[in-house]
PDB file of all heavy atoms in Angstrom:
ATOM      1  N   LEU A   1     118.303 102.561 109.764  1.00  0.00           N
ATOM      2  CA  LEU A   1     118.379 101.709 108.619  1.00  0.00           C
ATOM      3  C   LEU A   1     118.470 102.570 107.330  1.00  0.00           C
ATOM      4  O   LEU A   1     117.951 103.614 107.242  1.00  0.00           O
ATOM      5  CB  LEU A   1     117.128 100.781 108.475  1.00  0.00           C
ATOM      6  CG  LEU A   1     117.009  99.704 109.545  1.00  0.00           C
ATOM      7  CD1 LEU A   1     115.617  99.030 109.372  1.00  0.00           C
ATOM      8  CD2 LEU A   1     118.124  98.702 109.439  1.00  0.00           C
ATOM      9  N   GLN A   2     119.190 101.982 106.324  1.00  0.00           N
ATOM     10  CA  GLN A   2     119.337 102.659 105.078  1.00  0.00           C
ATOM     11  C   GLN A   2     118.052 102.457 104.204  1.00  0.00           C
ATOM     12  O   GLN A   2     117.307 101.523 104.414  1.00  0.00           O
ATOM     13  CB  GLN A   2     120.569 102.144 104.328  1.00  0.00           C
ATOM     14  CG  GLN A   2     121.873 102.496 104.997  1.00  0.00           C
ATOM     15  CD  GLN A   2     123.041 101.899 104.263  1.00  0.00           C
ATOM     16  OE1 GLN A   2     123.280 100.681 104.416  1.00  0.00           O
ATOM     17  NE2 GLN A   2     123.767 102.691 103.541  1.00  0.00           N
ATOM     18  N   ARG A   3     117.887 103.376 103.245  1.00  0.00           N
ATOM     19  CA  ARG A   3     116.741 103.304 102.364  1.00  0.00           C
ATOM     20  C   ARG A   3     117.223 103.544 100.943  1.00  0.00           C
ATOM     21  O   ARG A   3     117.949 104.473 100.642  1.00  0.00           O
ATOM     22  CB  ARG A   3     115.663 104.308 102.722  1.00  0.00           C
ATOM     23  CG  ARG A   3     114.487 104.314 101.768  1.00  0.00           C
ATOM     24  CD  ARG A   3     113.438 105.346 102.111  1.00  0.00           C
ATOM     25  NE  ARG A   3     112.432 105.438 101.111  1.00  0.00           N
ATOM     26  CZ  ARG A   3     111.430 106.371 101.061  1.00  0.00           C
ATOM     27  NH1 ARG A   3     111.319 107.214 102.089  1.00  0.00           N
ATOM     28  NH2 ARG A   3     110.577 106.413 100.078  1.00  0.00           N
ATOM     29  N   GLY A   4     116.774 102.672  99.988  1.00  0.00           N
ATOM     30  CA  GLY A   4     117.092 102.843  98.608  1.00  0.00           C
ATOM     31  C   GLY A   4     115.914 103.467  97.840  1.00  0.00           C
ATOM     32  O   GLY A   4     115.033 104.102  98.421  1.00  0.00           O
ATOM     33  N   GLU A   5     115.959 103.368  96.508  1.00  0.00           N
ATOM     34  CA  GLU A   5     115.018 104.146  95.687  1.00  0.00           C
ATOM     35  C   GLU A   5     113.723 103.407  95.401  1.00  0.00           C
ATOM     36  O   GLU A   5     112.763 104.031  94.936  1.00  0.00           O
ATOM     37  CB  GLU A   5     115.711 104.434  94.346  1.00  0.00           C
ATOM     38  CG  GLU A   5     116.009 103.247  93.491  1.00  0.00           C
ATOM     39  CD  GLU A   5     116.670 103.624  92.168  1.00  0.00           C
ATOM     40  OE1 GLU A   5     117.462 104.544  92.106  1.00  0.00           O
ATOM     41  OE2 GLU A   5     116.359 102.958  91.176  1.00  0.00           O
ATOM     42  N   HIS A   6     113.672 102.085  95.701  1.00  0.00           N
ATOM     43  CA  HIS A   6     112.492 101.324  95.370  1.00  0.00           C
ATOM     44  C   HIS A   6     111.457 101.346  96.515  1.00  0.00           C
ATOM     45  O   HIS A   6     111.787 101.517  97.661  1.00  0.00           O
ATOM     46  CB  HIS A   6     112.872  99.909  95.019  1.00  0.00           C
ATOM     47  CG  HIS A   6     113.827  99.749  93.910  1.00  0.00           C
ATOM     48  ND1 HIS A   6     113.548 100.257  92.623  1.00  0.00           N
ATOM     49  CD2 HIS A   6     115.102  99.287  93.818  1.00  0.00           C
ATOM     50  CE1 HIS A   6     114.634 100.032  91.868  1.00  0.00           C
ATOM     51  NE2 HIS A   6     115.568  99.460  92.562  1.00  0.00           N
ATOM     52  N   PRO A   7     110.171 101.097  96.174  1.00  0.00           N
ATOM     53  CA  PRO A   7     109.149 101.098  97.252  1.00  0.00           C
ATOM     54  C   PRO A   7     109.399  99.970  98.249  1.00  0.00           C
ATOM     55  O   PRO A   7     109.153 100.173  99.479  1.00  0.00           O
ATOM     56  CB  PRO A   7     107.840 100.852  96.454  1.00  0.00           C
ATOM     57  CG  PRO A   7     108.106 101.366  95.108  1.00  0.00           C
ATOM     58  CD  PRO A   7     109.545 101.099  94.808  1.00  0.00           C
ATOM     59  N   LEU A   8     109.874  98.834  97.800  1.00  0.00           N
ATOM     60  CA  LEU A   8     110.090  97.711  98.699  1.00  0.00           C
ATOM     61  C   LEU A   8     111.536  97.736  99.224  1.00  0.00           C
ATOM     62  O   LEU A   8     112.526  97.677  98.462  1.00  0.00           O
ATOM     63  CB  LEU A   8     109.862  96.374  97.998  1.00  0.00           C
ATOM     64  CG  LEU A   8     108.415  96.118  97.541  1.00  0.00           C
ATOM     65  CD1 LEU A   8     108.294  94.867  96.715  1.00  0.00           C
ATOM     66  CD2 LEU A   8     107.448  96.027  98.748  1.00  0.00           C
ATOM     67  N   GLN A   9     111.665  97.809 100.579  1.00  0.00           N
ATOM     68  CA  GLN A   9     112.949  97.860 101.200  1.00  0.00           C
ATOM     69  C   GLN A   9     113.084  96.649 102.108  1.00  0.00           C
ATOM     70  O   GLN A   9     112.293  96.499 103.089  1.00  0.00           O
ATOM     71  CB  GLN A   9     113.126  99.167 102.015  1.00  0.00           C
ATOM     72  CG  GLN A   9     113.144 100.398 101.180  1.00  0.00           C
ATOM     73  CD  GLN A   9     114.327 100.542 100.279  1.00  0.00           C
ATOM     74  OE1 GLN A   9     115.448 100.487 100.733  1.00  0.00           O
ATOM     75  NE2 GLN A   9     114.101 100.624  98.953  1.00  0.00           N
ATOM     76  N   LEU A  10     113.971  95.745 101.786  1.00  0.00           N
ATOM     77  CA  LEU A  10     114.151  94.482 102.499  1.00  0.00           C
ATOM     78  C   LEU A  10     115.394  94.545 103.389  1.00  0.00           C
ATOM     79  O   LEU A  10     116.482  94.924 102.931  1.00  0.00           O
ATOM     80  CB  LEU A  10     114.261  93.315 101.483  1.00  0.00           C
ATOM     81  CG  LEU A  10     114.486  91.973 102.119  1.00  0.00           C
ATOM     82  CD1 LEU A  10     113.297  91.480 102.893  1.00  0.00           C
ATOM     83  CD2 LEU A  10     114.849  90.944 100.961  1.00  0.00           C
ATOM     84  N   TYR A  11     115.277  94.142 104.587  1.00  0.00           N
ATOM     85  CA  TYR A  11     116.383  94.090 105.550  1.00  0.00           C
ATOM     86  C   TYR A  11     116.506  92.649 106.019  1.00  0.00           C
ATOM     87  O   TYR A  11     115.650  92.135 106.721  1.00  0.00           O
ATOM     88  CB  TYR A  11     116.103  95.055 106.713  1.00  0.00           C
ATOM     89  CG  TYR A  11     115.863  96.441 106.265  1.00  0.00           C
ATOM     90  CD1 TYR A  11     114.544  96.907 106.077  1.00  0.00           C
ATOM     91  CD2 TYR A  11     116.898  97.283 105.982  1.00  0.00           C
ATOM     92  CE1 TYR A  11     114.303  98.187 105.592  1.00  0.00           C
ATOM     93  CE2 TYR A  11     116.660  98.567 105.532  1.00  0.00           C
ATOM     94  CZ  TYR A  11     115.392  99.039 105.357  1.00  0.00           C
ATOM     95  OH  TYR A  11     115.109 100.291 104.880  1.00  0.00           O
ATOM     96  N   SER A  12     117.610  91.977 105.571  1.00  0.00           N
ATOM     97  CA  SER A  12     117.635  90.489 105.731  1.00  0.00           C
ATOM     98  C   SER A  12     118.974  89.899 105.668  1.00  0.00           C
ATOM     99  O   SER A  12     119.997  90.644 105.641  1.00  0.00           O
ATOM    100  CB  SER A  12     116.748  89.952 104.598  1.00  0.00           C
ATOM    101  OG  SER A  12     116.479  88.550 104.815  1.00  0.00           O
ATOM    102  N   LEU A  13     119.055  88.641 105.639  1.00  0.00           N
ATOM    103  CA  LEU A  13     120.272  87.845 105.543  1.00  0.00           C
ATOM    104  C   LEU A  13     119.922  86.601 104.779  1.00  0.00           C
ATOM    105  O   LEU A  13     118.775  86.108 104.859  1.00  0.00           O
ATOM    106  CB  LEU A  13     120.793  87.514 106.937  1.00  0.00           C
ATOM    107  CG  LEU A  13     122.141  86.756 107.031  1.00  0.00           C
ATOM    108  CD1 LEU A  13     123.315  87.590 106.557  1.00  0.00           C
ATOM    109  CD2 LEU A  13     122.433  86.269 108.457  1.00  0.00           C
ATOM    110  N   GLY A  14     120.887  86.043 104.045  1.00  0.00           N
ATOM    111  CA  GLY A  14     120.634  84.894 103.187  1.00  0.00           C
ATOM    112  C   GLY A  14     120.551  83.554 103.894  1.00  0.00           C
ATOM    113  O   GLY A  14     121.089  82.575 103.407  1.00  0.00           O
ATOM    114  N   THR A  15     119.815  83.545 104.996  1.00  0.00           N
ATOM    115  CA  THR A  15     119.488  82.266 105.672  1.00  0.00           C
ATOM    116  C   THR A  15     118.256  81.665 104.977  1.00  0.00           C
ATOM    117  O   THR A  15     117.641  82.340 104.094  1.00  0.00           O
ATOM    118  CB  THR A  15     119.198  82.505 107.156  1.00  0.00           C
ATOM    119  OG1 THR A  15     117.970  83.265 107.208  1.00  0.00           O
ATOM    120  CG2 THR A  15     120.288  83.261 107.836  1.00  0.00           C
ATOM    121  N   PRO A  16     117.839  80.478 105.310  1.00  0.00           N
ATOM    122  CA  PRO A  16     116.608  79.950 104.704  1.00  0.00           C
ATOM    123  C   PRO A  16     115.420  80.884 104.850  1.00  0.00           C
ATOM    124  O   PRO A  16     114.710  81.057 103.862  1.00  0.00           O
ATOM    125  CB  PRO A  16     116.379  78.627 105.456  1.00  0.00           C
ATOM    126  CG  PRO A  16     117.780  78.170 105.760  1.00  0.00           C
ATOM    127  CD  PRO A  16     118.527  79.404 106.142  1.00  0.00           C
ATOM    128  N   ASN A  17     115.187  81.478 105.941  1.00  0.00           N
ATOM    129  CA  ASN A  17     114.061  82.356 106.090  1.00  0.00           C
ATOM    130  C   ASN A  17     114.215  83.588 105.206  1.00  0.00           C
ATOM    131  O   ASN A  17     113.263  84.158 104.669  1.00  0.00           O
ATOM    132  CB  ASN A  17     113.867  82.808 107.562  1.00  0.00           C
ATOM    133  CG  ASN A  17     113.196  81.733 108.339  1.00  0.00           C
ATOM    134  OD1 ASN A  17     112.481  80.873 107.830  1.00  0.00           O
ATOM    135  ND2 ASN A  17     113.437  81.737 109.659  1.00  0.00           N
ATOM    136  N   GLY A  18     115.457  84.112 105.141  1.00  0.00           N
ATOM    137  CA  GLY A  18     115.698  85.258 104.232  1.00  0.00           C
ATOM    138  C   GLY A  18     115.567  84.929 102.785  1.00  0.00           C
ATOM    139  O   GLY A  18     114.988  85.670 102.006  1.00  0.00           O
ATOM    140  N   GLN A  19     116.001  83.716 102.367  1.00  0.00           N
ATOM    141  CA  GLN A  19     115.920  83.293 100.972  1.00  0.00           C
ATOM    142  C   GLN A  19     114.435  83.154 100.532  1.00  0.00           C
ATOM    143  O   GLN A  19     114.182  83.353  99.344  1.00  0.00           O
ATOM    144  CB  GLN A  19     116.644  81.963 100.780  1.00  0.00           C
ATOM    145  CG  GLN A  19     118.145  82.082 100.847  1.00  0.00           C
ATOM    146  CD  GLN A  19     118.837  80.743 100.658  1.00  0.00           C
ATOM    147  OE1 GLN A  19     118.202  79.763 100.215  1.00  0.00           O
ATOM    148  NE2 GLN A  19     120.098  80.697 100.954  1.00  0.00           N
ATOM    149  N   LYS A  20     113.555  82.813 101.428  1.00  0.00           N
ATOM    150  CA  LYS A  20     112.150  82.718 100.987  1.00  0.00           C
ATOM    151  C   LYS A  20     111.701  83.977 100.259  1.00  0.00           C
ATOM    152  O   LYS A  20     111.051  83.928  99.262  1.00  0.00           O
ATOM    153  CB  LYS A  20     111.272  82.464 102.223  1.00  0.00           C
ATOM    154  CG  LYS A  20     111.426  81.235 102.964  1.00  0.00           C
ATOM    155  CD  LYS A  20     110.468  81.257 104.202  1.00  0.00           C
ATOM    156  CE  LYS A  20     110.773  80.220 105.199  1.00  0.00           C
ATOM    157  NZ  LYS A  20     109.846  80.365 106.384  1.00  0.00           N
ATOM    158  N   VAL A  21     112.033  85.147 100.852  1.00  0.00           N
ATOM    159  CA  VAL A  21     111.500  86.388 100.361  1.00  0.00           C
ATOM    160  C   VAL A  21     112.255  86.857  99.123  1.00  0.00           C
ATOM    161  O   VAL A  21     111.715  87.334  98.148  1.00  0.00           O
ATOM    162  CB  VAL A  21     111.514  87.456 101.449  1.00  0.00           C
ATOM    163  CG1 VAL A  21     110.987  88.772 100.925  1.00  0.00           C
ATOM    164  CG2 VAL A  21     110.658  87.006 102.652  1.00  0.00           C
ATOM    165  N   THR A  22     113.599  86.666  99.095  1.00  0.00           N
ATOM    166  CA  THR A  22     114.342  87.118  97.924  1.00  0.00           C
ATOM    167  C   THR A  22     114.040  86.173  96.708  1.00  0.00           C
ATOM    168  O   THR A  22     113.971  86.675  95.615  1.00  0.00           O
ATOM    169  CB  THR A  22     115.852  87.143  98.227  1.00  0.00           C
ATOM    170  OG1 THR A  22     116.268  85.906  98.775  1.00  0.00           O
ATOM    171  CG2 THR A  22     116.172  88.268  99.144  1.00  0.00           C
ATOM    172  N   ILE A  23     113.812  84.911  96.978  1.00  0.00           N
ATOM    173  CA  ILE A  23     113.382  84.020  95.876  1.00  0.00           C
ATOM    174  C   ILE A  23     112.002  84.460  95.378  1.00  0.00           C
ATOM    175  O   ILE A  23     111.805  84.554  94.175  1.00  0.00           O
ATOM    176  CB  ILE A  23     113.325  82.558  96.371  1.00  0.00           C
ATOM    177  CG1 ILE A  23     114.761  82.011  96.495  1.00  0.00           C
ATOM    178  CG2 ILE A  23     112.517  81.679  95.380  1.00  0.00           C
ATOM    179  CD1 ILE A  23     114.841  80.644  97.146  1.00  0.00           C
ATOM    180  N   MET A  24     111.088  84.779  96.248  1.00  0.00           N
ATOM    181  CA  MET A  24     109.772  85.281  95.859  1.00  0.00           C
ATOM    182  C   MET A  24     109.896  86.568  95.010  1.00  0.00           C
ATOM    183  O   MET A  24     109.290  86.687  93.906  1.00  0.00           O
ATOM    184  CB  MET A  24     108.939  85.520  97.074  1.00  0.00           C
ATOM    185  CG  MET A  24     107.560  86.223  96.828  1.00  0.00           C
ATOM    186  SD  MET A  24     106.428  85.105  95.928  1.00  0.00           S
ATOM    187  CE  MET A  24     104.885  86.038  96.072  1.00  0.00           C
ATOM    188  N   LEU A  25     110.653  87.509  95.445  1.00  0.00           N
ATOM    189  CA  LEU A  25     110.867  88.768  94.693  1.00  0.00           C
ATOM    190  C   LEU A  25     111.490  88.536  93.367  1.00  0.00           C
ATOM    191  O   LEU A  25     111.014  89.095  92.335  1.00  0.00           O
ATOM    192  CB  LEU A  25     111.704  89.705  95.522  1.00  0.00           C
ATOM    193  CG  LEU A  25     110.974  90.324  96.782  1.00  0.00           C
ATOM    194  CD1 LEU A  25     111.999  90.935  97.720  1.00  0.00           C
ATOM    195  CD2 LEU A  25     109.920  91.322  96.326  1.00  0.00           C
ATOM    196  N   GLU A  26     112.499  87.680  93.298  1.00  0.00           N
ATOM    197  CA  GLU A  26     113.137  87.455  91.996  1.00  0.00           C
ATOM    198  C   GLU A  26     112.210  86.643  91.067  1.00  0.00           C
ATOM    199  O   GLU A  26     112.261  86.824  89.830  1.00  0.00           O
ATOM    200  CB  GLU A  26     114.442  86.730  92.211  1.00  0.00           C
ATOM    201  CG  GLU A  26     115.554  87.531  92.854  1.00  0.00           C
ATOM    202  CD  GLU A  26     115.906  88.787  92.003  1.00  0.00           C
ATOM    203  OE1 GLU A  26     115.845  88.727  90.809  1.00  0.00           O
ATOM    204  OE2 GLU A  26     116.239  89.826  92.620  1.00  0.00           O
ATOM    205  N   GLU A  27     111.444  85.726  91.596  1.00  0.00           N
ATOM    206  CA  GLU A  27     110.432  85.025  90.774  1.00  0.00           C
ATOM    207  C   GLU A  27     109.356  85.977  90.241  1.00  0.00           C
ATOM    208  O   GLU A  27     108.912  85.822  89.087  1.00  0.00           O
ATOM    209  CB  GLU A  27     109.811  83.881  91.616  1.00  0.00           C
ATOM    210  CG  GLU A  27     110.745  82.670  91.805  1.00  0.00           C
ATOM    211  CD  GLU A  27     110.761  81.742  90.602  1.00  0.00           C
ATOM    212  OE1 GLU A  27     109.909  81.897  89.735  1.00  0.00           O
ATOM    213  OE2 GLU A  27     111.675  80.882  90.549  1.00  0.00           O
ATOM    214  N   LEU A  28     108.970  86.891  91.067  1.00  0.00           N
ATOM    215  CA  LEU A  28     107.994  87.948  90.578  1.00  0.00           C
ATOM    216  C   LEU A  28     108.606  88.746  89.457  1.00  0.00           C
ATOM    217  O   LEU A  28     107.950  88.969  88.449  1.00  0.00           O
ATOM    218  CB  LEU A  28     107.660  88.854  91.780  1.00  0.00           C
ATOM    219  CG  LEU A  28     106.695  88.271  92.787  1.00  0.00           C
ATOM    220  CD1 LEU A  28     106.620  89.225  94.050  1.00  0.00           C
ATOM    221  CD2 LEU A  28     105.255  88.202  92.267  1.00  0.00           C
ATOM    222  N   LEU A  29     109.861  89.213  89.626  1.00  0.00           N
ATOM    223  CA  LEU A  29     110.518  89.954  88.566  1.00  0.00           C
ATOM    224  C   LEU A  29     110.656  89.069  87.272  1.00  0.00           C
ATOM    225  O   LEU A  29     110.390  89.587  86.165  1.00  0.00           O
ATOM    226  CB  LEU A  29     111.840  90.381  89.006  1.00  0.00           C
ATOM    227  CG  LEU A  29     111.889  91.527  90.090  1.00  0.00           C
ATOM    228  CD1 LEU A  29     113.263  91.673  90.702  1.00  0.00           C
ATOM    229  CD2 LEU A  29     111.414  92.853  89.444  1.00  0.00           C
ATOM    230  N   ALA A  30     110.988  87.797  87.424  1.00  0.00           N
ATOM    231  CA  ALA A  30     111.125  86.915  86.281  1.00  0.00           C
ATOM    232  C   ALA A  30     109.774  86.719  85.546  1.00  0.00           C
ATOM    233  O   ALA A  30     109.759  86.560  84.306  1.00  0.00           O
ATOM    234  CB  ALA A  30     111.668  85.560  86.692  1.00  0.00           C
ATOM    235  N   ALA A  31     108.723  86.820  86.327  1.00  0.00           N
ATOM    236  CA  ALA A  31     107.376  86.649  85.714  1.00  0.00           C
ATOM    237  C   ALA A  31     106.842  87.952  85.154  1.00  0.00           C
ATOM    238  O   ALA A  31     105.672  87.980  84.679  1.00  0.00           O
ATOM    239  CB  ALA A  31     106.456  86.131  86.807  1.00  0.00           C
ATOM    240  N   GLY A  32     107.636  89.057  85.212  1.00  0.00           N
ATOM    241  CA  GLY A  32     107.237  90.286  84.597  1.00  0.00           C
ATOM    242  C   GLY A  32     106.563  91.291  85.487  1.00  0.00           C
ATOM    243  O   GLY A  32     106.057  92.349  85.032  1.00  0.00           O
ATOM    244  N   HIS A  33     106.556  91.056  86.771  1.00  0.00           N
ATOM    245  CA  HIS A  33     105.926  91.973  87.758  1.00  0.00           C
ATOM    246  C   HIS A  33     106.913  93.140  88.143  1.00  0.00           C
ATOM    247  O   HIS A  33     108.100  92.893  88.193  1.00  0.00           O
ATOM    248  CB  HIS A  33     105.435  91.223  88.982  1.00  0.00           C
ATOM    249  CG  HIS A  33     104.403  90.242  88.724  1.00  0.00           C
ATOM    250  ND1 HIS A  33     103.064  90.560  88.561  1.00  0.00           N
ATOM    251  CD2 HIS A  33     104.466  88.874  88.520  1.00  0.00           C
ATOM    252  CE1 HIS A  33     102.352  89.446  88.285  1.00  0.00           C
ATOM    253  NE2 HIS A  33     103.205  88.436  88.267  1.00  0.00           N
ATOM    254  N   ASP A  34     106.343  94.253  88.461  1.00  0.00           N
ATOM    255  CA  ASP A  34     107.178  95.405  88.861  1.00  0.00           C
ATOM    256  C   ASP A  34     107.485  95.260  90.356  1.00  0.00           C
ATOM    257  O   ASP A  34     106.921  96.019  91.175  1.00  0.00           O
ATOM    258  CB  ASP A  34     106.446  96.684  88.532  1.00  0.00           C
ATOM    259  CG  ASP A  34     107.331  97.904  88.878  1.00  0.00           C
ATOM    260  OD1 ASP A  34     108.535  97.749  89.056  1.00  0.00           O
ATOM    261  OD2 ASP A  34     106.740  99.068  88.895  1.00  0.00           O
ATOM    262  N   ALA A  35     108.339  94.350  90.694  1.00  0.00           N
ATOM    263  CA  ALA A  35     108.638  94.031  92.094  1.00  0.00           C
ATOM    264  C   ALA A  35     110.030  94.428  92.498  1.00  0.00           C
ATOM    265  O   ALA A  35     110.677  93.813  93.316  1.00  0.00           O
ATOM    266  CB  ALA A  35     108.381  92.569  92.397  1.00  0.00           C
ATOM    267  N   GLU A  36     110.546  95.471  91.880  1.00  0.00           N
ATOM    268  CA  GLU A  36     111.951  95.901  92.121  1.00  0.00           C
ATOM    269  C   GLU A  36     112.082  96.287  93.620  1.00  0.00           C
ATOM    270  O   GLU A  36     111.125  96.760  94.250  1.00  0.00           O
ATOM    271  CB  GLU A  36     112.317  97.120  91.300  1.00  0.00           C
ATOM    272  CG  GLU A  36     112.893  96.714  89.927  1.00  0.00           C
ATOM    273  CD  GLU A  36     114.210  95.968  90.055  1.00  0.00           C
ATOM    274  OE1 GLU A  36     114.841  95.958  91.157  1.00  0.00           O
ATOM    275  OE2 GLU A  36     114.646  95.395  89.029  1.00  0.00           O
ATOM    276  N   TYR A  37     113.245  95.988  94.175  1.00  0.00           N
ATOM    277  CA  TYR A  37     113.430  96.144  95.597  1.00  0.00           C
ATOM    278  C   TYR A  37     114.878  96.445  95.890  1.00  0.00           C
ATOM    279  O   TYR A  37     115.760  96.145  95.107  1.00  0.00           O
ATOM    280  CB  TYR A  37     113.004  94.884  96.342  1.00  0.00           C
ATOM    281  CG  TYR A  37     113.858  93.688  96.053  1.00  0.00           C
ATOM    282  CD1 TYR A  37     114.798  93.241  96.959  1.00  0.00           C
ATOM    283  CD2 TYR A  37     113.681  92.984  94.834  1.00  0.00           C
ATOM    284  CE1 TYR A  37     115.579  92.133  96.708  1.00  0.00           C
ATOM    285  CE2 TYR A  37     114.464  91.811  94.597  1.00  0.00           C
ATOM    286  CZ  TYR A  37     115.411  91.405  95.521  1.00  0.00           C
ATOM    287  OH  TYR A  37     116.213  90.294  95.258  1.00  0.00           O
ATOM    288  N   ASP A  38     115.130  97.005  97.059  1.00  0.00           N
ATOM    289  CA  ASP A  38     116.463  97.149  97.613  1.00  0.00           C
ATOM    290  C   ASP A  38     116.576  96.152  98.771  1.00  0.00           C
ATOM    291  O   ASP A  38     115.662  96.076  99.616  1.00  0.00           O
ATOM    292  CB  ASP A  38     116.691  98.571  98.164  1.00  0.00           C
ATOM    293  CG  ASP A  38     116.730  99.629  97.064  1.00  0.00           C
ATOM    294  OD1 ASP A  38     117.790  99.726  96.453  1.00  0.00           O
ATOM    295  OD2 ASP A  38     115.730 100.266  96.878  1.00  0.00           O
ATOM    296  N   ALA A  39     117.701  95.457  98.847  1.00  0.00           N
ATOM    297  CA  ALA A  39     117.962  94.496  99.890  1.00  0.00           C
ATOM    298  C   ALA A  39     119.178  94.947 100.625  1.00  0.00           C
ATOM    299  O   ALA A  39     120.296  95.088 100.074  1.00  0.00           O
ATOM    300  CB  ALA A  39     118.126  93.089  99.398  1.00  0.00           C
ATOM    301  N   TRP A  40     119.084  95.113 101.986  1.00  0.00           N
ATOM    302  CA  TRP A  40     120.127  95.550 102.835  1.00  0.00           C
ATOM    303  C   TRP A  40     120.503  94.438 103.745  1.00  0.00           C
ATOM    304  O   TRP A  40     119.583  93.719 104.302  1.00  0.00           O
ATOM    305  CB  TRP A  40     119.721  96.778 103.616  1.00  0.00           C
ATOM    306  CG  TRP A  40     119.247  97.899 102.780  1.00  0.00           C
ATOM    307  CD1 TRP A  40     117.957  98.210 102.406  1.00  0.00           C
ATOM    308  CD2 TRP A  40     120.060  98.901 102.187  1.00  0.00           C
ATOM    309  NE1 TRP A  40     117.937  99.289 101.625  1.00  0.00           N
ATOM    310  CE2 TRP A  40     119.166  99.806 101.427  1.00  0.00           C
ATOM    311  CE3 TRP A  40     121.427  99.217 102.175  1.00  0.00           C
ATOM    312  CZ2 TRP A  40     119.624 100.905 100.755  1.00  0.00           C
ATOM    313  CZ3 TRP A  40     121.896 100.336 101.510  1.00  0.00           C
ATOM    314  CH2 TRP A  40     120.997 101.135 100.806  1.00  0.00           C
ATOM    315  N   LEU A  41     121.822  94.221 103.995  1.00  0.00           N
ATOM    316  CA  LEU A  41     122.264  93.143 104.824  1.00  0.00           C
ATOM    317  C   LEU A  41     122.066  93.461 106.333  1.00  0.00           C
ATOM    318  O   LEU A  41     122.427  94.524 106.789  1.00  0.00           O
ATOM    319  CB  LEU A  41     123.740  92.910 104.585  1.00  0.00           C
ATOM    320  CG  LEU A  41     124.369  91.728 105.339  1.00  0.00           C
ATOM    321  CD1 LEU A  41     123.783  90.413 104.836  1.00  0.00           C
ATOM    322  CD2 LEU A  41     125.899  91.770 105.192  1.00  0.00           C
ATOM    323  N   ILE A  42     121.487  92.468 107.003  1.00  0.00           N
ATOM    324  CA  ILE A  42     121.405  92.497 108.465  1.00  0.00           C
ATOM    325  C   ILE A  42     122.238  91.357 109.013  1.00  0.00           C
ATOM    326  O   ILE A  42     121.850  90.185 108.821  1.00  0.00           O
ATOM    327  CB  ILE A  42     119.882  92.380 108.937  1.00  0.00           C
ATOM    328  CG1 ILE A  42     119.096  93.537 108.440  1.00  0.00           C
ATOM    329  CG2 ILE A  42     119.845  92.256 110.482  1.00  0.00           C
ATOM    330  CD1 ILE A  42     119.441  94.872 108.959  1.00  0.00           C
ATOM    331  N   ASN A  43     123.336  91.678 109.580  1.00  0.00           N
ATOM    332  CA  ASN A  43     124.296  90.672 110.076  1.00  0.00           C
ATOM    333  C   ASN A  43     123.836  90.257 111.477  1.00  0.00           C
ATOM    334  O   ASN A  43     124.128  90.912 112.473  1.00  0.00           O
ATOM    335  CB  ASN A  43     125.720  91.237 110.123  1.00  0.00           C
ATOM    336  CG  ASN A  43     126.767  90.123 110.391  1.00  0.00           C
ATOM    337  OD1 ASN A  43     126.466  89.156 111.147  1.00  0.00           O
ATOM    338  ND2 ASN A  43     127.931  90.283 109.861  1.00  0.00           N
ATOM    339  N   ILE A  44     123.145  89.135 111.558  1.00  0.00           N
ATOM    340  CA  ILE A  44     122.598  88.670 112.831  1.00  0.00           C
ATOM    341  C   ILE A  44     123.744  88.244 113.797  1.00  0.00           C
ATOM    342  O   ILE A  44     123.545  88.208 114.987  1.00  0.00           O
ATOM    343  CB  ILE A  44     121.514  87.619 112.672  1.00  0.00           C
ATOM    344  CG1 ILE A  44     122.090  86.338 112.020  1.00  0.00           C
ATOM    345  CG2 ILE A  44     120.329  88.151 111.908  1.00  0.00           C
ATOM    346  CD1 ILE A  44     121.109  85.170 111.949  1.00  0.00           C
ATOM    347  N   GLY A  45     124.880  87.820 113.236  1.00  0.00           N
ATOM    348  CA  GLY A  45     125.977  87.442 114.085  1.00  0.00           C
ATOM    349  C   GLY A  45     126.590  88.596 114.842  1.00  0.00           C
ATOM    350  O   GLY A  45     127.117  88.399 115.926  1.00  0.00           O
TER     351      GLY A  45
END
């Protein structure tokens, strides 16, 4: 798996289960939290 520069490394796909976590992370960032992350695509197909 690849790794980016942020502490949080997410490996996912934009299905409903994947969206739960990216929405959470973006809401944290919008609220001013230091929740920067790298998101890598996992093609389940």
